[in-house]
Protein backbone atom coordinates (compact mmCIF):
# COMPACT_ATOMS: atom_id res chain seq x y z
CA UNK A 1 -5.74 74.43 14.68
CA UNK A 2 -7.72 71.15 14.32
CA UNK A 3 -6.45 68.40 12.01
CA UNK A 4 -8.85 67.50 9.22
CA UNK A 5 -9.65 63.73 9.09
CA UNK A 6 -9.06 62.04 5.74
CA UNK A 7 -12.31 60.31 4.54
CA UNK A 8 -10.36 58.01 2.17
CA UNK A 9 -8.15 56.69 4.99
CA UNK A 10 -11.24 56.05 7.10
CA UNK A 11 -12.78 54.06 4.27
CA UNK A 12 -9.61 51.96 3.80
CA UNK A 13 -9.43 51.26 7.53
CA UNK A 14 -13.08 50.22 7.59
CA UNK A 15 -12.62 47.93 4.56
CA UNK A 16 -9.52 46.29 6.09
CA UNK A 17 -11.36 45.60 9.30
CA UNK A 18 -14.27 44.00 7.46
CA UNK A 19 -11.88 41.84 5.36
CA UNK A 20 -10.02 40.66 8.47
CA UNK A 21 -13.29 39.80 10.20
CA UNK A 22 -14.47 37.84 7.18
CA UNK A 23 -11.13 36.02 6.97
CA UNK A 24 -11.22 35.06 10.64
CA UNK A 25 -14.83 34.01 10.31
CA UNK A 26 -13.96 31.87 7.26
CA UNK A 27 -11.05 30.18 9.06
CA UNK A 28 -13.27 29.52 12.03
CA UNK A 29 -15.93 28.05 9.74
CA UNK A 30 -13.58 25.55 8.06
CA UNK A 31 -11.93 24.45 11.29
CA UNK A 32 -15.30 23.91 12.90
CA UNK A 33 -16.52 21.97 9.86
CA UNK A 34 -13.53 19.65 9.94
CA UNK A 35 -13.93 19.19 13.66
CA UNK A 36 -17.63 18.40 13.25
CA UNK A 37 -16.74 15.51 10.89
CA UNK A 38 -14.18 13.95 13.26
CA UNK A 39 -15.17 10.78 15.12
CA UNK A 40 -13.55 9.56 18.32
CA UNK A 41 -13.82 5.90 19.30
CA UNK A 42 -13.04 4.93 22.88
CA UNK A 43 -13.30 1.69 24.77
CA UNK A 44 -12.08 -0.49 27.59
CA UNK A 45 -11.00 -4.15 27.64
CA UNK A 46 -11.75 -6.11 30.82
CA UNK A 47 -10.98 -9.64 32.00
CA UNK A 48 -14.27 -11.51 31.66
CA UNK A 49 -13.92 -13.38 34.97
CA UNK A 50 -12.21 -10.90 37.31
CA UNK A 51 -13.25 -7.61 35.76
CA UNK A 52 -9.65 -6.39 35.87
CA UNK A 53 -8.40 -4.13 33.07
CA UNK A 54 -6.52 -5.89 30.25
CA UNK A 55 -3.44 -3.76 29.56
CA UNK A 56 -1.20 -3.87 26.47
CA UNK A 57 -3.86 -5.53 24.30
CA UNK A 58 -3.66 -4.75 20.59
CA UNK A 59 -6.75 -2.95 19.28
CA UNK A 60 -7.36 -2.73 15.53
CA UNK A 61 -9.96 -1.13 13.32
CA UNK A 62 -10.22 -3.94 10.75
CA UNK A 63 -13.16 -2.69 8.71
CA UNK A 64 -13.69 -0.62 6.63
CA UNK A 65 -10.26 -1.07 5.09
CA UNK A 66 -9.91 2.67 4.42
CA UNK A 67 -9.96 3.33 8.17
CA UNK A 68 -7.66 0.54 9.35
CA UNK A 69 -5.66 1.67 12.39
CA UNK A 70 -3.99 0.10 15.43
CA UNK A 71 -3.47 1.16 19.04
CA UNK A 72 -2.75 -0.48 22.43
CA UNK A 73 -4.74 -0.46 25.68
CA UNK A 74 -3.22 1.46 28.60
CA UNK A 75 -2.84 0.26 32.21
CA UNK A 76 -6.59 0.76 32.73
CA UNK A 77 -7.43 -1.30 29.66
CA UNK A 78 -8.60 1.80 27.80
CA UNK A 79 -7.98 2.72 24.17
CA UNK A 80 -8.82 5.66 21.92
CA UNK A 81 -8.93 6.34 18.18
CA UNK A 82 -9.09 10.09 17.48
CA UNK A 83 -9.81 12.33 14.49
CA UNK A 84 -11.38 9.71 12.23
CA UNK A 85 -12.96 11.82 9.51
CA UNK A 86 -16.13 10.49 7.91
CA UNK A 87 -18.83 12.11 5.75
CA UNK A 88 -21.73 9.76 6.54
CA UNK A 89 -22.57 7.09 9.10
CA UNK A 90 -20.01 4.27 9.00
CA UNK A 91 -20.02 0.85 10.66
CA UNK A 92 -16.62 0.01 12.18
CA UNK A 93 -15.33 -3.42 13.18
CA UNK A 94 -13.02 -3.35 16.22
CA UNK A 95 -10.80 -6.36 17.01
CA UNK A 96 -8.93 -6.74 20.32
CA UNK A 97 -6.20 -9.37 20.72
CA UNK A 98 -3.65 -10.35 23.34
CA UNK A 99 -1.50 -13.41 23.93
CA UNK A 100 -3.29 -16.13 25.92
CA UNK A 101 -6.70 -14.45 25.38
CA UNK A 102 -9.48 -15.18 22.93
CA UNK A 103 -9.89 -12.47 20.29
CA UNK A 104 -12.84 -10.15 20.90
CA UNK A 105 -14.66 -8.37 18.07
CA UNK A 106 -17.18 -5.54 18.25
CA UNK A 107 -19.14 -3.60 15.63
CA UNK A 108 -20.20 0.00 16.14
CA UNK A 109 -21.88 2.61 13.97
CA UNK A 110 -20.42 6.11 14.11
CA UNK A 111 -22.00 9.38 13.03
CA UNK A 112 -19.84 12.31 11.89
CA UNK A 113 -18.85 14.58 14.79
CA UNK A 114 -19.67 12.11 17.58
CA UNK A 115 -17.77 10.09 20.18
CA UNK A 116 -18.59 6.39 20.27
CA UNK A 117 -17.78 4.15 23.24
CA UNK A 118 -17.25 0.39 23.23
CA UNK A 119 -16.66 0.07 26.95
CA UNK A 120 -16.49 -3.21 28.85
CA UNK A 121 -15.22 -5.43 26.07
CA UNK A 122 -14.99 -8.79 27.84
CA UNK A 123 -11.87 -10.88 27.15
CA UNK A 124 -11.57 -14.53 28.15
CA UNK A 125 -8.36 -16.45 28.76
CA UNK A 126 -7.69 -19.36 26.43
CA UNK A 127 -7.59 -21.65 29.45
CA UNK A 128 -11.05 -20.57 30.63
CA UNK A 129 -14.27 -22.27 29.57
CA UNK A 130 -16.98 -20.05 28.09
CA UNK A 131 -19.93 -19.31 30.40
CA UNK A 132 -22.66 -21.94 30.16
CA UNK A 133 -25.26 -19.89 32.02
CA UNK A 134 -28.30 -19.37 29.83
CA UNK A 135 -28.54 -15.79 31.13
CA UNK A 136 -25.09 -15.05 29.70
CA UNK A 137 -25.97 -16.12 26.16
CA UNK A 138 -26.82 -13.56 23.49
CA UNK A 139 -30.43 -13.92 22.41
CA UNK A 140 -32.54 -12.49 19.64
CA UNK A 141 -32.23 -12.50 15.88
CA UNK A 142 -28.77 -12.48 14.34
CA UNK A 143 -27.41 -9.24 12.95
CA UNK A 144 -25.55 -8.50 9.76
CA UNK A 145 -22.44 -10.44 8.81
CA UNK A 146 -19.31 -9.37 10.67
CA UNK A 147 -16.95 -12.33 10.26
CA UNK A 148 -16.29 -15.45 8.18
CA UNK A 149 -14.93 -18.38 10.17
CA UNK A 150 -13.46 -21.56 8.62
CA UNK A 151 -15.16 -24.55 10.23
CA UNK A 152 -14.01 -27.46 8.07
CA UNK A 153 -11.57 -28.39 5.34
CA UNK A 154 -11.54 -31.93 3.95
CA UNK A 155 -7.96 -32.00 2.61
CA UNK A 156 -4.96 -29.84 3.45
CA UNK A 157 -3.09 -31.31 0.46
CA UNK A 158 -4.31 -32.63 -2.89
CA UNK A 159 -2.64 -34.09 -5.97
CA UNK A 160 -2.01 -32.62 -9.39
CA UNK A 161 -4.85 -33.24 -11.83
CA UNK A 162 -4.74 -36.53 -13.75
CA UNK A 163 -2.05 -38.07 -11.54
CA UNK A 164 -4.36 -40.18 -9.40
CA UNK A 165 -5.32 -39.71 -5.78
CA UNK A 166 -7.41 -36.88 -4.36
CA UNK A 167 -7.62 -33.83 -6.62
CA UNK A 168 -10.14 -31.66 -4.74
CA UNK A 169 -10.72 -30.29 -1.25
CA UNK A 170 -14.01 -28.96 0.13
CA UNK A 171 -13.95 -26.12 2.67
CA UNK A 172 -16.76 -24.67 4.75
CA UNK A 173 -17.14 -21.22 6.31
CA UNK A 174 -19.76 -19.99 8.73
CA UNK A 175 -20.83 -16.35 8.59
CA UNK A 176 -21.28 -14.73 12.01
CA UNK A 177 -22.59 -11.43 13.29
CA UNK A 178 -20.71 -9.18 15.74
CA UNK A 179 -22.03 -11.25 18.68
CA UNK A 180 -20.61 -14.48 17.25
CA UNK A 181 -23.99 -15.85 16.17
CA UNK A 182 -24.49 -17.57 12.80
CA UNK A 183 -26.33 -15.22 10.48
CA UNK A 184 -29.62 -16.07 8.80
CA UNK A 185 -29.79 -18.02 5.53
CA UNK A 186 -29.50 -16.34 2.15
CA UNK A 187 -26.28 -14.32 2.52
CA UNK A 188 -24.11 -14.56 -0.60
CA UNK A 189 -20.48 -15.48 0.01
CA UNK A 190 -17.84 -15.11 -2.74
CA UNK A 191 -14.71 -17.25 -3.04
CA UNK A 192 -11.44 -16.22 -4.68
CA UNK A 193 -7.94 -17.66 -5.24
CA UNK A 194 -5.64 -14.87 -4.06
CA UNK A 195 -2.36 -16.73 -4.70
CA UNK A 196 -1.30 -20.01 -6.27
CA UNK A 197 0.90 -21.76 -8.83
CA UNK A 198 -1.41 -20.64 -11.68
CA UNK A 199 -1.60 -24.11 -13.14
CA UNK A 200 -5.31 -24.16 -13.94
CA UNK A 201 -6.63 -24.73 -10.40
CA UNK A 202 -10.33 -23.83 -9.98
CA UNK A 203 -12.93 -23.00 -7.34
CA UNK A 204 -16.45 -24.43 -7.68
CA UNK A 205 -18.74 -22.67 -6.98
CA UNK A 206 -17.33 -19.16 -7.02
CA UNK A 207 -20.22 -17.98 -4.86
CA UNK A 208 -22.92 -19.58 -2.74
CA UNK A 209 -25.58 -18.61 -0.22
CA UNK A 210 -25.46 -19.44 3.46
CA UNK A 211 -27.85 -22.11 4.74
CA UNK A 212 -30.00 -21.96 7.87
CA UNK A 213 -26.89 -22.51 10.01
CA UNK A 214 -24.97 -19.70 8.35
CA UNK A 215 -22.67 -22.18 6.61
CA UNK A 216 -21.47 -22.17 3.02
CA UNK A 217 -19.19 -24.60 1.16
CA UNK A 218 -17.01 -24.50 -1.95
CA UNK A 219 -14.36 -26.77 -3.51
CA UNK A 220 -10.83 -26.33 -4.81
CA UNK A 221 -9.90 -28.52 -7.79
CA UNK A 222 -6.21 -28.88 -8.60
CA UNK A 223 -4.56 -27.90 -11.87
CA UNK A 224 -1.38 -29.10 -13.55
CA UNK A 225 1.19 -27.39 -11.30
CA UNK A 226 2.35 -28.05 -7.77
CA UNK A 227 2.34 -25.29 -5.17
CA UNK A 228 0.35 -23.67 -2.39
CA UNK A 229 -3.06 -22.14 -3.08
CA UNK A 230 -4.42 -19.34 -0.88
CA UNK A 231 -8.19 -18.94 -0.83
CA UNK A 232 -10.27 -16.10 0.60
CA UNK A 233 -14.01 -15.89 1.28
CA UNK A 234 -15.78 -12.54 1.39
CA UNK A 235 -19.19 -10.94 1.92
CA UNK A 236 -20.09 -7.60 0.36
CA UNK A 237 -22.25 -5.31 2.53
CA UNK A 238 -23.01 -2.23 0.44
CA UNK A 239 -25.69 -1.25 2.97
CA UNK A 240 -22.96 -0.22 5.44
CA UNK A 241 -20.05 0.13 3.01
CA UNK A 242 -18.22 -2.96 4.28
CA UNK A 243 -16.44 -5.94 2.75
CA UNK A 244 -16.12 -8.85 5.20
CA UNK A 245 -13.07 -11.03 4.40
CA UNK A 246 -11.95 -14.32 5.89
CA UNK A 247 -8.41 -15.09 6.87
CA UNK A 248 -6.83 -16.81 3.80
CA UNK A 249 -6.75 -20.59 3.97
CA UNK A 250 -3.97 -22.60 2.32
CA UNK A 251 -4.17 -25.90 0.46
CA UNK A 252 -1.09 -27.57 -1.02
CA UNK A 253 -1.11 -29.13 -4.47
CA UNK A 254 1.46 -31.89 -4.68
CA UNK A 255 3.26 -33.29 -7.71
CA UNK A 256 2.45 -36.31 -9.78
CA UNK A 257 4.28 -39.57 -10.41
CA UNK A 258 8.06 -39.84 -11.00
CA UNK A 259 9.27 -39.24 -14.53
CA UNK A 260 12.63 -40.56 -15.82
CA UNK A 261 13.49 -37.29 -17.58
CA UNK A 262 13.07 -35.44 -14.27
CA UNK A 263 14.93 -37.94 -12.08
CA UNK A 264 18.50 -37.10 -11.03
CA UNK A 265 21.04 -38.40 -8.55
CA UNK A 266 24.09 -36.81 -6.90
CA UNK A 267 26.67 -37.82 -4.31
CA UNK A 268 28.28 -35.59 -1.71
CA UNK A 269 31.87 -36.84 -2.23
CA UNK A 270 33.01 -38.70 -5.35
CA UNK A 271 36.33 -39.82 -3.82
CA UNK A 272 35.52 -40.52 -0.17
CA UNK A 273 37.84 -42.25 2.29
CA UNK A 274 36.01 -45.57 2.25
CA UNK A 275 38.61 -48.15 1.19
CA UNK A 276 40.39 -48.78 4.51
CA UNK A 277 37.91 -47.37 7.06
CA UNK A 278 34.53 -48.75 8.07
CA UNK A 279 31.61 -46.46 8.85
CA UNK A 280 32.54 -43.40 6.79
CA UNK A 281 29.27 -41.86 5.57
CA UNK A 282 28.70 -40.30 2.17
CA UNK A 283 25.32 -38.69 1.40
CA UNK A 284 23.47 -39.67 -1.77
CA UNK A 285 20.62 -37.38 -2.84
CA UNK A 286 17.98 -37.79 -5.53
CA UNK A 287 15.63 -35.16 -6.93
CA UNK A 288 12.44 -36.61 -8.39
CA UNK A 289 10.09 -34.63 -10.60
CA UNK A 290 6.93 -35.44 -12.49
CA UNK A 291 6.23 -35.01 -16.19
CA UNK A 292 5.07 -31.42 -15.53
CA UNK A 293 8.53 -30.50 -14.14
CA UNK A 294 7.13 -30.23 -10.62
CA UNK A 295 8.32 -32.12 -7.54
CA UNK A 296 6.60 -35.47 -7.11
CA UNK A 297 4.18 -36.05 -4.28
CA UNK A 298 5.85 -35.86 -0.85
CA UNK A 299 6.72 -39.24 0.64
CA UNK A 300 7.24 -40.85 -2.77
CA UNK A 301 9.56 -43.81 -2.01
CA UNK A 302 12.95 -44.20 -3.70
CA UNK A 303 15.00 -47.39 -3.26
CA UNK A 304 18.81 -47.55 -3.25
CA UNK A 305 21.51 -50.16 -3.90
CA UNK A 306 25.32 -50.12 -4.06
CA UNK A 307 28.20 -52.23 -5.41
CA UNK A 308 30.44 -51.27 -2.49
CA UNK A 309 29.82 -50.91 1.22
CA UNK A 310 26.20 -50.65 2.32
CA UNK A 311 23.53 -48.02 1.75
CA UNK A 312 20.33 -47.11 3.53
CA UNK A 313 17.69 -48.96 1.58
CA UNK A 314 15.09 -46.30 0.92
CA UNK A 315 14.23 -42.66 1.28
CA UNK A 316 11.05 -40.63 0.92
CA UNK A 317 10.81 -37.38 -1.03
CA UNK A 318 10.11 -34.07 0.69
CA UNK A 319 8.06 -31.17 -0.67
CA UNK A 320 10.91 -30.36 -3.11
CA UNK A 321 11.04 -33.91 -4.44
CA UNK A 322 14.35 -34.63 -2.69
CA UNK A 323 15.36 -37.72 -0.72
CA UNK A 324 18.75 -38.34 0.91
CA UNK A 325 20.34 -41.53 2.27
CA UNK A 326 23.82 -42.47 3.50
CA UNK A 327 26.31 -44.67 1.68
CA UNK A 328 28.40 -46.26 4.46
CA UNK A 329 31.89 -47.65 3.87
CA UNK A 330 32.39 -51.35 4.59
CA UNK A 331 32.62 -54.68 2.84
CA UNK A 332 32.47 -55.49 0.06
CA UNK A 333 35.04 -53.07 -1.36
CA UNK A 334 35.05 -52.75 -5.16
CA UNK A 335 38.08 -54.54 -6.63
CA UNK A 336 39.50 -51.42 -8.28
CA UNK A 337 38.02 -48.96 -5.78
CA UNK A 338 35.23 -47.81 -8.10
CA UNK A 339 31.61 -48.65 -7.31
CA UNK A 340 28.14 -47.63 -8.49
CA UNK A 341 25.13 -46.44 -6.49
CA UNK A 342 21.68 -47.03 -8.00
CA UNK A 343 18.39 -45.27 -7.16
CA UNK A 344 15.06 -46.81 -8.23
CA UNK A 345 11.45 -45.65 -8.21
CA UNK A 346 8.29 -46.21 -10.31
CA UNK A 347 6.49 -44.04 -12.87
CA UNK A 348 2.76 -43.49 -13.44
CA UNK A 349 2.51 -46.80 -15.33
CA UNK A 350 4.23 -48.67 -12.49
CA UNK A 351 7.35 -49.14 -14.59
CA UNK A 352 10.71 -49.18 -12.80
CA UNK A 353 12.91 -46.17 -13.55
CA UNK A 354 16.44 -45.77 -12.22
CA UNK A 355 19.50 -43.54 -12.14
CA UNK A 356 23.11 -44.43 -11.27
CA UNK A 357 26.18 -42.57 -10.09
CA UNK A 358 29.79 -43.78 -9.75
CA UNK A 359 31.71 -43.42 -6.49
CA UNK A 360 35.38 -44.02 -5.59
CA UNK A 361 36.33 -45.76 -2.36
CA UNK A 362 39.67 -43.93 -1.99
CA UNK A 363 42.38 -45.68 -0.01
CA UNK A 364 45.21 -44.44 2.19
CA UNK A 365 48.40 -42.96 0.74
CA UNK A 366 51.62 -44.90 0.23
CA UNK A 367 55.18 -43.61 -0.07
CA UNK A 368 55.60 -45.93 -3.06
CA UNK A 369 52.84 -44.02 -4.84
CA UNK A 370 54.65 -40.68 -4.57
CA UNK A 371 56.87 -39.83 -7.55
CA UNK A 372 58.90 -36.77 -8.46
CA UNK A 373 60.59 -36.31 -11.83
CA UNK A 374 63.27 -35.64 -12.83
CA UNK A 375 65.29 -36.97 -9.91
CA UNK A 376 67.84 -34.14 -10.04
CA UNK A 377 68.29 -32.18 -6.82
CA UNK A 378 71.17 -29.81 -7.42
CA UNK A 379 71.30 -26.68 -9.55
CA UNK A 380 74.03 -24.19 -10.47
CA UNK A 381 74.09 -20.66 -9.10
CA UNK A 382 71.23 -18.70 -10.64
CA UNK A 383 69.69 -21.89 -12.02
CA UNK A 384 66.39 -23.66 -11.48
CA UNK A 385 64.47 -26.90 -11.94
CA UNK A 386 60.77 -27.72 -12.55
CA UNK A 387 59.39 -31.03 -11.27
CA UNK A 388 56.37 -33.19 -11.98
CA UNK A 389 54.68 -34.63 -8.87
CA UNK A 390 52.30 -37.61 -8.92
CA UNK A 391 50.40 -38.80 -5.82
CA UNK A 392 47.76 -41.56 -5.65
CA UNK A 393 46.25 -43.89 -3.08
CA UNK A 394 47.44 -47.47 -2.65
CA UNK A 395 45.29 -48.53 -5.62
CA UNK A 396 46.67 -45.87 -7.96
CA UNK A 397 43.42 -43.84 -7.71
CA UNK A 398 42.89 -40.26 -6.53
CA UNK A 399 43.44 -39.75 -2.81
CA UNK A 400 40.38 -38.95 -0.66
CA UNK A 401 38.81 -35.53 -1.15
CA UNK A 402 40.27 -33.08 1.35
CA UNK A 403 43.66 -34.82 1.61
CA UNK A 404 46.57 -32.40 2.08
CA UNK A 405 49.79 -32.76 0.06
CA UNK A 406 52.76 -30.61 1.07
CA UNK A 407 56.09 -30.12 -0.68
CA UNK A 408 58.92 -29.26 1.75
CA UNK A 409 62.50 -28.13 1.05
CA UNK A 410 65.24 -27.07 3.47
CA UNK A 411 67.48 -24.48 1.83
CA UNK A 412 67.92 -20.81 2.74
CA UNK A 413 69.08 -19.76 -0.70
CA UNK A 414 66.56 -21.43 -3.01
CA UNK A 415 62.90 -20.54 -3.57
CA UNK A 416 60.10 -23.10 -3.87
CA UNK A 417 57.03 -22.23 -5.99
CA UNK A 418 54.09 -23.89 -7.75
CA UNK A 419 51.98 -26.73 -6.31
CA UNK A 420 53.54 -26.84 -2.86
CA UNK A 421 50.41 -26.79 -0.64
CA UNK A 422 47.71 -28.96 -2.21
CA UNK A 423 44.21 -30.01 -1.14
CA UNK A 424 42.87 -32.91 -3.18
CA UNK A 425 39.52 -31.86 -4.77
CA UNK A 426 36.22 -33.72 -4.93
CA UNK A 427 36.86 -35.62 -8.13
CA UNK A 428 36.36 -39.07 -9.55
CA UNK A 429 39.06 -39.34 -12.20
CA UNK A 430 42.85 -38.89 -12.03
CA UNK A 431 44.58 -36.13 -13.93
CA UNK A 432 46.11 -32.67 -13.68
CA UNK A 433 45.17 -30.98 -10.40
CA UNK A 434 43.92 -34.29 -8.93
CA UNK A 435 46.82 -36.72 -9.07
CA UNK A 436 49.32 -34.74 -11.18
CA UNK A 437 51.01 -31.52 -10.05
CA UNK A 438 54.15 -29.48 -10.66
CA UNK A 439 56.46 -27.25 -8.65
CA UNK A 440 59.75 -25.40 -9.22
CA UNK A 441 62.96 -24.71 -7.36
CA UNK A 442 64.88 -21.52 -8.28
CA UNK A 443 68.01 -19.68 -7.18
CA UNK A 444 66.82 -16.08 -7.10
CA UNK A 445 69.65 -14.85 -4.88
CA UNK A 446 71.86 -12.54 -7.02
CA UNK A 447 74.66 -12.69 -4.49
CA UNK A 448 74.92 -16.49 -4.50
CA UNK A 449 77.78 -17.89 -6.63
CA UNK A 450 77.69 -21.50 -5.44
CA UNK A 451 75.77 -24.49 -6.82
CA UNK A 452 73.03 -25.71 -4.50
CA UNK A 453 72.03 -29.21 -3.42
CA UNK A 454 68.80 -29.84 -1.59
CA UNK A 455 66.28 -32.46 -0.43
CA UNK A 456 62.60 -32.52 -1.43
CA UNK A 457 60.09 -34.12 0.99
CA UNK A 458 56.46 -34.87 0.08
CA UNK A 459 54.07 -35.19 3.06
CA UNK A 460 50.50 -36.53 2.65
CA UNK A 461 47.70 -36.60 5.28
CA UNK A 462 44.13 -37.78 4.66
CA UNK A 463 41.04 -36.34 6.44
CA UNK A 464 40.93 -39.36 8.75
CA UNK A 465 44.62 -39.16 9.66
CA UNK A 466 46.40 -41.59 7.32
CA UNK A 467 49.86 -40.25 6.42
CA UNK A 468 52.72 -40.99 4.03
CA UNK A 469 56.06 -39.29 3.49
CA UNK A 470 58.85 -39.58 0.95
CA UNK A 471 62.12 -37.64 0.67
CA UNK A 472 64.01 -37.16 -2.60
CA UNK A 473 67.72 -36.20 -2.70
CA UNK A 474 70.96 -36.81 -4.65
């Protein structure tokens, strides 16, 4: 008996086959479309003189910005950029760099679905002279702009507005095509401040047209704030969808004249070991600002004087308005150990302005200047005693900063606590924690039933090795 075929099943099978075919056809269509839009860029970098491949060179697509990408040449000097998807013709700028070689730049136009080659990109060593053979030179009319090259800048640093000196800097770019030739006159170049102190600095003009040599010039005028200004030049090429940008140039705006309200002085060590030792150095630093609260112009001179020892006579401010000199211990020593250092400079009206700071020429220690009170050095079992300790230099002033003061006691039963290991701080005036301290002796041994006698020894040592010792006992 023959089996009857089901017409409905045959229709479903036929429909499924048609749907699958359409689906596969659709997938094939989209994949092929995407593939047709992909561009591949290949090339090879060669040594201009020897013709040898240049390996490990860095290759960048620099323009258009949306397609920026980087690769490296292989051992044969070759490079490849794959699957760059574009919808219309696009002009690409390719830049090849390597240490010790001049940078090479090429421009190519790519059509969707094509492979473009930039073979035989010639690279010249920095130590090699360019060919001077007339046959080697590129001839013909210049092409469209491909690069903006800075050719001159009149000032790398200018002064704040209304402070005197130079307050503007002119800078010149030349626009070149992909072969390095100056482009024809009439190309508009725009100028922009991309970073700066935002103190009212200005560019004039904001745009200009290239002359017959492809050059164009603008000016930066300073504002009322110090800082670094970054400037960029650019050319818009809507015909090929490109924006040509220069490398940013930097111009520093320096501060104005010194202002008393923004003039300060500091010393590294208030109590330095300068009374008994010659040649000990102590740094004195000034910070000088202008009336706008900015650092003054670099190399602004500041003059120094001292009542004790000697001091380097002048210093010159850096970009932060700071200048540092050394106070050096020596004669004359101030009678009571205390001296004054003075810093002097001049304001915008050429008036003298000054700041002062005191300094202590600390002397060596002396056993006679070590006191402990009360002078009781025995306690009953379970008892204790708190002592006041005073230490000064031979003039009765604070000991040098960094001096160590140690309290020692020999007794196995008693406990010593408080200010027993002291480092004298950086301080000008005597007082608690500088010349005055306290420590305690306690019998914390519950098993001890005997009164205890003991000796207390104070040991002092300065940073340069001066010592003093005194022992207290019944």
